[in-house]
Amino acid sequence: MKTATIPSLRVNPELRHAAESVLQDGETLSSFVIQSLRTGIQYRQMQKEFIARGFASREEARRTGEYFDAKDVLNDLNAMLSNAEAE
């Protein structure tokens, strides 16, 4: 596979120093930037999918007329959390 480039970034010296200060042993600034880019992409994809599920849920509720009270949902979630913590 052929590689491509990401545009060069101009940053202030403080930001560069901050990035360099958190590098792990053997890690380069370039590998840190690449990993940060991957993490940002993954976050945005999950965010986009979450919003899409929310819209789909809204449309399903409108279509069926079936809605759930927020208090009931929170109570159910708290019960699930309590059960998971007890295990």
PDB file of N, CA and C in Angstrom:
ATOM      1  N   MET A   1       0.849  -1.171   0.000  1.00  0.00           N
ATOM      2  CA  MET A   1       0.000   0.000   0.000  1.00  0.00           C
ATOM      3  C   MET A   1       0.893   1.232   0.000  1.00  0.00           C
ATOM      4  N   LYS A   2       0.541   2.167  -0.839  1.00  0.00           N
ATOM      5  CA  LYS A   2       1.264   3.424  -0.922  1.00  0.00           C
ATOM      6  C   LYS A   2       0.907   4.304   0.271  1.00  0.00           C
ATOM      7  N   THR A   3       1.877   5.013   0.797  1.00  0.00           N
ATOM      8  CA  THR A   3       1.599   5.895   1.925  1.00  0.00           C
ATOM      9  C   THR A   3       1.244   7.287   1.431  1.00  0.00           C
ATOM     10  N   ALA A   4       0.597   8.035   2.303  1.00  0.00           N
ATOM     11  CA  ALA A   4       0.231   9.418   2.001  1.00  0.00           C
ATOM     12  C   ALA A   4       0.767  10.286   3.140  1.00  0.00           C
ATOM     13  N   THR A   5       0.702  11.581   2.970  1.00  0.00           N
ATOM     14  CA  THR A   5       1.194  12.480   4.007  1.00  0.00           C
ATOM     15  C   THR A   5       0.036  13.270   4.605  1.00  0.00           C
ATOM     16  N   ILE A   6       0.256  13.690   5.831  1.00  0.00           N
ATOM     17  CA  ILE A   6      -0.653  14.599   6.528  1.00  0.00           C
ATOM     18  C   ILE A   6       0.000  15.970   6.436  1.00  0.00           C
ATOM     19  N   PRO A   7      -0.776  17.026   6.262  1.00  0.00           N
ATOM     20  CA  PRO A   7      -0.163  18.356   6.170  1.00  0.00           C
ATOM     21  C   PRO A   7       0.693  18.675   7.401  1.00  0.00           C
ATOM     22  N   SER A   8       1.786  19.370   7.159  1.00  0.00           N
ATOM     23  CA  SER A   8       2.637  19.810   8.257  1.00  0.00           C
ATOM     24  C   SER A   8       1.848  20.732   9.175  1.00  0.00           C
ATOM     25  N   LEU A   9       2.181  20.671  10.451  1.00  0.00           N
ATOM     26  CA  LEU A   9       1.488  21.492  11.428  1.00  0.00           C
ATOM     27  C   LEU A   9       2.440  22.510  12.028  1.00  0.00           C
ATOM     28  N   ARG A  10       2.003  23.731  12.079  1.00  0.00           N
ATOM     29  CA  ARG A  10       2.769  24.760  12.784  1.00  0.00           C
ATOM     30  C   ARG A  10       2.126  24.906  14.150  1.00  0.00           C
ATOM     31  N   VAL A  11       2.916  24.722  15.197  1.00  0.00           N
ATOM     32  CA  VAL A  11       2.414  24.838  16.560  1.00  0.00           C
ATOM     33  C   VAL A  11       3.337  25.754  17.345  1.00  0.00           C
ATOM     34  N   ASN A  12       2.800  26.299  18.435  1.00  0.00           N
ATOM     35  CA  ASN A  12       3.664  27.145  19.246  1.00  0.00           C
ATOM     36  C   ASN A  12       4.628  26.259  20.034  1.00  0.00           C
ATOM     37  N   PRO A  13       5.743  26.811  20.443  1.00  0.00           N
ATOM     38  CA  PRO A  13       6.766  26.009  21.143  1.00  0.00           C
ATOM     39  C   PRO A  13       6.238  25.333  22.415  1.00  0.00           C
ATOM     40  N   GLU A  14       5.301  25.966  23.097  1.00  0.00           N
ATOM     41  CA  GLU A  14       4.765  25.375  24.321  1.00  0.00           C
ATOM     42  C   GLU A  14       4.020  24.076  24.036  1.00  0.00           C
ATOM     43  N   LEU A  15       3.249  24.057  22.949  1.00  0.00           N
ATOM     44  CA  LEU A  15       2.510  22.846  22.594  1.00  0.00           C
ATOM     45  C   LEU A  15       3.472  21.731  22.209  1.00  0.00           C
ATOM     46  N   ARG A  16       4.485  22.058  21.443  1.00  0.00           N
ATOM     47  CA  ARG A  16       5.477  21.039  21.064  1.00  0.00           C
ATOM     48  C   ARG A  16       6.178  20.490  22.303  1.00  0.00           C
ATOM     49  N   HIS A  17       6.572  21.372  23.195  1.00  0.00           N
ATOM     50  CA  HIS A  17       7.240  20.931  24.422  1.00  0.00           C
ATOM     51  C   HIS A  17       6.312  20.041  25.251  1.00  0.00           C
ATOM     52  N   ALA A  18       5.039  20.429  25.349  1.00  0.00           N
ATOM     53  CA  ALA A  18       4.077  19.624  26.103  1.00  0.00           C
ATOM     54  C   ALA A  18       3.945  18.234  25.492  1.00  0.00           C
ATOM     55  N   ALA A  19       3.898  18.155  24.168  1.00  0.00           N
ATOM     56  CA  ALA A  19       3.791  16.861  23.497  1.00  0.00           C
ATOM     57  C   ALA A  19       5.056  16.036  23.734  1.00  0.00           C
ATOM     58  N   GLU A  20       6.187  16.648  23.616  1.00  0.00           N
ATOM     59  CA  GLU A  20       7.448  15.930  23.826  1.00  0.00           C
ATOM     60  C   GLU A  20       7.595  15.472  25.275  1.00  0.00           C
ATOM     61  N   SER A  21       7.025  16.224  26.191  1.00  0.00           N
ATOM     62  CA  SER A  21       7.180  15.885  27.613  1.00  0.00           C
ATOM     63  C   SER A  21       6.398  14.634  28.019  1.00  0.00           C
ATOM     64  N   VAL A  22       5.448  14.208  27.217  1.00  0.00           N
ATOM     65  CA  VAL A  22       4.654  13.026  27.553  1.00  0.00           C
ATOM     66  C   VAL A  22       5.004  11.808  26.702  1.00  0.00           C
ATOM     67  N   LEU A  23       6.033  11.917  25.884  1.00  0.00           N
ATOM     68  CA  LEU A  23       6.439  10.778  25.066  1.00  0.00           C
ATOM     69  C   LEU A  23       6.940   9.651  25.958  1.00  0.00           C
ATOM     70  N   GLN A  24       6.589   8.438  25.591  1.00  0.00           N
ATOM     71  CA  GLN A  24       7.063   7.265  26.320  1.00  0.00           C
ATOM     72  C   GLN A  24       8.406   6.825  25.755  1.00  0.00           C
ATOM     73  N   ASP A  25       9.106   5.968  26.478  1.00  0.00           N
ATOM     74  CA  ASP A  25      10.417   5.485  26.022  1.00  0.00           C
ATOM     75  C   ASP A  25      10.317   4.913  24.619  1.00  0.00           C
ATOM     76  N   GLY A  26      11.176   5.367  23.739  1.00  0.00           N
ATOM     77  CA  GLY A  26      11.218   4.879  22.364  1.00  0.00           C
ATOM     78  C   GLY A  26      10.166   5.470  21.449  1.00  0.00           C
ATOM     79  N   GLU A  27       9.281   6.284  21.970  1.00  0.00           N
ATOM     80  CA  GLU A  27       8.217   6.887  21.160  1.00  0.00           C
ATOM     81  C   GLU A  27       8.724   8.175  20.521  1.00  0.00           C
ATOM     82  N   THR A  28       8.380   8.356  19.262  1.00  0.00           N
ATOM     83  CA  THR A  28       8.756   9.584  18.573  1.00  0.00           C
ATOM     84  C   THR A  28       7.570  10.537  18.548  1.00  0.00           C
ATOM     85  N   LEU A  29       7.881  11.790  18.284  1.00  0.00           N
ATOM     86  CA  LEU A  29       6.812  12.772  18.161  1.00  0.00           C
ATOM     87  C   LEU A  29       5.884  12.395  17.014  1.00  0.00           C
ATOM     88  N   SER A  30       6.447  11.896  15.926  1.00  0.00           N
ATOM     89  CA  SER A  30       5.621  11.474  14.787  1.00  0.00           C
ATOM     90  C   SER A  30       4.684  10.331  15.155  1.00  0.00           C
ATOM     91  N   SER A  31       5.190   9.325  15.874  1.00  0.00           N
ATOM     92  CA  SER A  31       4.319   8.199  16.248  1.00  0.00           C
ATOM     93  C   SER A  31       3.247   8.655  17.229  1.00  0.00           C
ATOM     94  N   PHE A  32       3.577   9.619  18.097  1.00  0.00           N
ATOM     95  CA  PHE A  32       2.591  10.167  19.018  1.00  0.00           C
ATOM     96  C   PHE A  32       1.485  10.884  18.254  1.00  0.00           C
ATOM     97  N   VAL A  33       1.860  11.671  17.254  1.00  0.00           N
ATOM     98  CA  VAL A  33       0.875  12.406  16.454  1.00  0.00           C
ATOM     99  C   VAL A  33      -0.009  11.424  15.683  1.00  0.00           C
ATOM    100  N   ILE A  34       0.590  10.381  15.122  1.00  0.00           N
ATOM    101  CA  ILE A  34      -0.187   9.389  14.379  1.00  0.00           C
ATOM    102  C   ILE A  34      -1.180   8.685  15.303  1.00  0.00           C
ATOM    103  N   GLN A  35      -0.723   8.289  16.501  1.00  0.00           N
ATOM    104  CA  GLN A  35      -1.625   7.627  17.438  1.00  0.00           C
ATOM    105  C   GLN A  35      -2.736   8.576  17.887  1.00  0.00           C
ATOM    106  N   SER A  36      -2.398   9.833  18.105  1.00  0.00           N
ATOM    107  CA  SER A  36      -3.410  10.819  18.484  1.00  0.00           C
ATOM    108  C   SER A  36      -4.445  10.994  17.381  1.00  0.00           C
ATOM    109  N   LEU A  37      -3.989  10.989  16.142  1.00  0.00           N
ATOM    110  CA  LEU A  37      -4.897  11.106  15.002  1.00  0.00           C
ATOM    111  C   LEU A  37      -5.821   9.897  14.931  1.00  0.00           C
ATOM    112  N   ARG A  38      -5.256   8.701  15.120  1.00  0.00           N
ATOM    113  CA  ARG A  38      -6.087   7.486  15.116  1.00  0.00           C
ATOM    114  C   ARG A  38      -7.129   7.533  16.225  1.00  0.00           C
ATOM    115  N   THR A  39      -6.703   7.946  17.411  1.00  0.00           N
ATOM    116  CA  THR A  39      -7.616   8.032  18.549  1.00  0.00           C
ATOM    117  C   THR A  39      -8.726   9.043  18.273  1.00  0.00           C
ATOM    118  N   GLY A  40      -8.368  10.189  17.701  1.00  0.00           N
ATOM    119  CA  GLY A  40      -9.358  11.205  17.369  1.00  0.00           C
ATOM    120  C   GLY A  40     -10.355  10.716  16.339  1.00  0.00           C
ATOM    121  N   ILE A  41      -9.878   9.987  15.351  1.00  0.00           N
ATOM    122  CA  ILE A  41     -10.758   9.437  14.315  1.00  0.00           C
ATOM    123  C   ILE A  41     -11.708   8.428  14.931  1.00  0.00           C
ATOM    124  N   GLN A  42     -11.188   7.536  15.767  1.00  0.00           N
ATOM    125  CA  GLN A  42     -12.020   6.525  16.418  1.00  0.00           C
ATOM    126  C   GLN A  42     -13.084   7.193  17.285  1.00  0.00           C
ATOM    127  N   TYR A  43     -12.709   8.218  18.023  1.00  0.00           N
ATOM    128  CA  TYR A  43     -13.660   8.935  18.867  1.00  0.00           C
ATOM    129  C   TYR A  43     -14.769   9.553  18.023  1.00  0.00           C
ATOM    130  N   ARG A  44     -14.384  10.208  16.942  1.00  0.00           N
ATOM    131  CA  ARG A  44     -15.388  10.854  16.081  1.00  0.00           C
ATOM    132  C   ARG A  44     -16.318   9.837  15.442  1.00  0.00           C
ATOM    133  N   GLN A  45     -15.774   8.666  15.056  1.00  0.00           N
ATOM    134  CA  GLN A  45     -16.620   7.629  14.470  1.00  0.00           C
ATOM    135  C   GLN A  45     -17.628   7.111  15.494  1.00  0.00           C
ATOM    136  N   MET A  46     -17.162   6.868  16.721  1.00  0.00           N
ATOM    137  CA  MET A  46     -18.076   6.400  17.769  1.00  0.00           C
ATOM    138  C   MET A  46     -19.125   7.459  18.082  1.00  0.00           C
ATOM    139  N   GLN A  47     -18.710   8.717  18.103  1.00  0.00           N
ATOM    140  CA  GLN A  47     -19.650   9.808  18.361  1.00  0.00           C
ATOM    141  C   GLN A  47     -20.711   9.868  17.263  1.00  0.00           C
ATOM    142  N   LYS A  48     -20.281   9.745  16.020  1.00  0.00           N
ATOM    143  CA  LYS A  48     -21.205   9.782  14.883  1.00  0.00           C
ATOM    144  C   LYS A  48     -22.202   8.622  14.961  1.00  0.00           C
ATOM    145  N   GLU A  49     -21.711   7.418  15.295  1.00  0.00           N
ATOM    146  CA  GLU A  49     -22.578   6.255  15.414  1.00  0.00           C
ATOM    147  C   GLU A  49     -23.556   6.406  16.581  1.00  0.00           C
ATOM    148  N   PHE A  50     -23.089   6.976  17.691  1.00  0.00           N
ATOM    149  CA  PHE A  50     -23.949   7.204  18.850  1.00  0.00           C
ATOM    150  C   PHE A  50     -25.099   8.144  18.487  1.00  0.00           C
ATOM    151  N   ILE A  51     -24.776   9.216  17.792  1.00  0.00           N
ATOM    152  CA  ILE A  51     -25.799  10.182  17.383  1.00  0.00           C
ATOM    153  C   ILE A  51     -26.778   9.538  16.410  1.00  0.00           C
ATOM    154  N   ALA A  52     -26.265   8.728  15.487  1.00  0.00           N
ATOM    155  CA  ALA A  52     -27.142   8.042  14.530  1.00  0.00           C
ATOM    156  C   ALA A  52     -28.103   7.096  15.257  1.00  0.00           C
ATOM    157  N   ARG A  53     -27.594   6.371  16.275  1.00  0.00           N
ATOM    158  CA  ARG A  53     -28.475   5.482  17.047  1.00  0.00           C
ATOM    159  C   ARG A  53     -29.528   6.292  17.789  1.00  0.00           C
ATOM    160  N   GLY A  54     -29.134   7.450  18.299  1.00  0.00           N
ATOM    161  CA  GLY A  54     -30.092   8.311  18.995  1.00  0.00           C
ATOM    162  C   GLY A  54     -31.197   8.784  18.078  1.00  0.00           C
ATOM    163  N   PHE A  55     -30.830   9.219  16.879  1.00  0.00           N
ATOM    164  CA  PHE A  55     -31.842   9.655  15.913  1.00  0.00           C
ATOM    165  C   PHE A  55     -32.753   8.499  15.503  1.00  0.00           C
ATOM    166  N   ALA A  56     -32.162   7.313  15.308  1.00  0.00           N
ATOM    167  CA  ALA A  56     -32.961   6.144  14.936  1.00  0.00           C
ATOM    168  C   ALA A  56     -33.934   5.790  16.056  1.00  0.00           C
ATOM    169  N   SER A  57     -33.463   5.888  17.289  1.00  0.00           N
ATOM    170  CA  SER A  57     -34.322   5.608  18.435  1.00  0.00           C
ATOM    171  C   SER A  57     -35.462   6.617  18.520  1.00  0.00           C
ATOM    172  N   ARG A  58     -35.134   7.869  18.274  1.00  0.00           N
ATOM    173  CA  ARG A  58     -36.169   8.908  18.289  1.00  0.00           C
ATOM    174  C   ARG A  58     -37.229   8.617  17.237  1.00  0.00           C
ATOM    175  N   GLU A  59     -36.786   8.263  16.040  1.00  0.00           N
ATOM    176  CA  GLU A  59     -37.736   7.980  14.958  1.00  0.00           C
ATOM    177  C   GLU A  59     -38.584   6.756  15.280  1.00  0.00           C
ATOM    178  N   GLU A  60     -37.982   5.751  15.896  1.00  0.00           N
ATOM    179  CA  GLU A  60     -38.733   4.549  16.285  1.00  0.00           C
ATOM    180  C   GLU A  60     -39.788   4.906  17.330  1.00  0.00           C
ATOM    181  N   ALA A  61     -39.418   5.750  18.289  1.00  0.00           N
ATOM    182  CA  ALA A  61     -40.376   6.174  19.318  1.00  0.00           C
ATOM    183  C   ALA A  61     -41.526   6.966  18.682  1.00  0.00           C
ATOM    184  N   ARG A  62     -41.203   7.835  17.750  1.00  0.00           N
ATOM    185  CA  ARG A  62     -42.255   8.601  17.067  1.00  0.00           C
ATOM    186  C   ARG A  62     -43.172   7.674  16.270  1.00  0.00           C
ATOM    187  N   ARG A  63     -42.571   6.680  15.622  1.00  0.00           N
ATOM    188  CA  ARG A  63     -43.336   5.757  14.786  1.00  0.00           C
ATOM    189  C   ARG A  63     -44.270   4.899  15.629  1.00  0.00           C
ATOM    190  N   THR A  64     -43.753   4.396  16.749  1.00  0.00           N
ATOM    191  CA  THR A  64     -44.540   3.470  17.567  1.00  0.00           C
ATOM    192  C   THR A  64     -45.335   4.160  18.665  1.00  0.00           C
ATOM    193  N   GLY A  65     -44.933   5.378  19.010  1.00  0.00           N
ATOM    194  CA  GLY A  65     -45.576   6.072  20.120  1.00  0.00           C
ATOM    195  C   GLY A  65     -45.135   5.548  21.474  1.00  0.00           C
ATOM    196  N   GLU A  66     -44.132   4.685  21.488  1.00  0.00           N
ATOM    197  CA  GLU A  66     -43.651   4.095  22.739  1.00  0.00           C
ATOM    198  C   GLU A  66     -42.456   4.904  23.263  1.00  0.00           C
ATOM    199  N   TYR A  67     -42.652   5.530  24.401  1.00  0.00           N
ATOM    200  CA  TYR A  67     -41.619   6.334  25.039  1.00  0.00           C
ATOM    201  C   TYR A  67     -41.362   5.780  26.427  1.00  0.00           C
ATOM    202  N   PHE A  68     -40.185   6.053  26.968  1.00  0.00           N
ATOM    203  CA  PHE A  68     -39.816   5.580  28.289  1.00  0.00           C
ATOM    204  C   PHE A  68     -39.482   6.768  29.167  1.00  0.00           C
ATOM    205  N   ASP A  69     -39.941   6.737  30.406  1.00  0.00           N
ATOM    206  CA  ASP A  69     -39.672   7.794  31.360  1.00  0.00           C
ATOM    207  C   ASP A  69     -38.191   7.759  31.754  1.00  0.00           C
ATOM    208  N   ALA A  70     -37.564   8.905  31.775  1.00  0.00           N
ATOM    209  CA  ALA A  70     -36.134   8.985  32.083  1.00  0.00           C
ATOM    210  C   ALA A  70     -35.823   8.409  33.457  1.00  0.00           C
ATOM    211  N   LYS A  71     -36.699   8.643  34.428  1.00  0.00           N
ATOM    212  CA  LYS A  71     -36.475   8.109  35.772  1.00  0.00           C
ATOM    213  C   LYS A  71     -36.429   6.584  35.751  1.00  0.00           C
ATOM    214  N   ASP A  72     -37.321   5.963  34.995  1.00  0.00           N
ATOM    215  CA  ASP A  72     -37.341   4.505  34.899  1.00  0.00           C
ATOM    216  C   ASP A  72     -36.063   3.979  34.258  1.00  0.00           C
ATOM    217  N   VAL A  73     -35.627   4.643  33.208  1.00  0.00           N
ATOM    218  CA  VAL A  73     -34.408   4.225  32.512  1.00  0.00           C
ATOM    219  C   VAL A  73     -33.210   4.352  33.446  1.00  0.00           C
ATOM    220  N   LEU A  74     -33.115   5.479  34.160  1.00  0.00           N
ATOM    221  CA  LEU A  74     -31.997   5.671  35.086  1.00  0.00           C
ATOM    222  C   LEU A  74     -32.034   4.643  36.214  1.00  0.00           C
ATOM    223  N   ASN A  75     -33.209   4.346  36.718  1.00  0.00           N
ATOM    224  CA  ASN A  75     -33.322   3.317  37.754  1.00  0.00           C
ATOM    225  C   ASN A  75     -32.849   1.964  37.243  1.00  0.00           C
ATOM    226  N   ASP A  76     -33.242   1.610  36.025  1.00  0.00           N
ATOM    227  CA  ASP A  76     -32.804   0.345  35.429  1.00  0.00           C
ATOM    228  C   ASP A  76     -31.289   0.322  35.248  1.00  0.00           C
ATOM    229  N   LEU A  77     -30.728   1.426  34.769  1.00  0.00           N
ATOM    230  CA  LEU A  77     -29.277   1.497  34.580  1.00  0.00           C
ATOM    231  C   LEU A  77     -28.536   1.394  35.912  1.00  0.00           C
ATOM    232  N   ASN A  78     -29.054   2.063  36.934  1.00  0.00           N
ATOM    233  CA  ASN A  78     -28.431   1.971  38.255  1.00  0.00           C
ATOM    234  C   ASN A  78     -28.486   0.546  38.800  1.00  0.00           C
ATOM    235  N   ALA A  79     -29.587  -0.137  38.562  1.00  0.00           N
ATOM    236  CA  ALA A  79     -29.702  -1.530  39.003  1.00  0.00           C
ATOM    237  C   ALA A  79     -28.701  -2.408  38.270  1.00  0.00           C
ATOM    238  N   MET A  80     -28.553  -2.181  36.967  1.00  0.00           N
ATOM    239  CA  MET A  80     -27.581  -2.950  36.183  1.00  0.00           C
ATOM    240  C   MET A  80     -26.168  -2.701  36.699  1.00  0.00           C
ATOM    241  N   LEU A  81     -25.855  -1.450  37.007  1.00  0.00           N
ATOM    242  CA  LEU A  81     -24.538  -1.103  37.519  1.00  0.00           C
ATOM    243  C   LEU A  81     -24.296  -1.763  38.875  1.00  0.00           C
ATOM    244  N   SER A  82     -25.282  -1.703  39.747  1.00  0.00           N
ATOM    245  CA  SER A  82     -25.159  -2.329  41.063  1.00  0.00           C
ATOM    246  C   SER A  82     -24.916  -3.828  40.939  1.00  0.00           C
ATOM    247  N   ASN A  83     -25.639  -4.474  40.036  1.00  0.00           N
ATOM    248  CA  ASN A  83     -25.458  -5.914  39.816  1.00  0.00           C
ATOM    249  C   ASN A  83     -24.069  -6.225  39.281  1.00  0.00           C
ATOM    250  N   ALA A  84     -23.587  -5.411  38.375  1.00  0.00           N
ATOM    251  CA  ALA A  84     -22.263  -5.635  37.800  1.00  0.00           C
ATOM    252  C   ALA A  84     -21.171  -5.434  38.845  1.00  0.00           C
ATOM    253  N   GLU A  85     -21.352  -4.446  39.715  1.00  0.00           N
ATOM    254  CA  GLU A  85     -20.361  -4.184  40.770  1.00  0.00           C
ATOM    255  C   GLU A  85     -20.362  -5.284  41.815  1.00  0.00           C
ATOM    256  N   ALA A  86     -21.529  -5.903  42.027  1.00  0.00           N
ATOM    257  CA  ALA A  86     -21.643  -6.976  43.023  1.00  0.00           C
ATOM    258  C   ALA A  86     -20.998  -8.275  42.547  1.00  0.00           C
ATOM    259  N   GLU A  87     -20.855  -8.432  41.261  1.00  0.00           N
ATOM    260  CA  GLU A  87     -20.295  -9.682  40.701  1.00  0.00           C
ATOM    261  C   GLU A  87     -18.800  -9.730  40.806  1.00  0.00           C
TER     262      GLU A  87
END
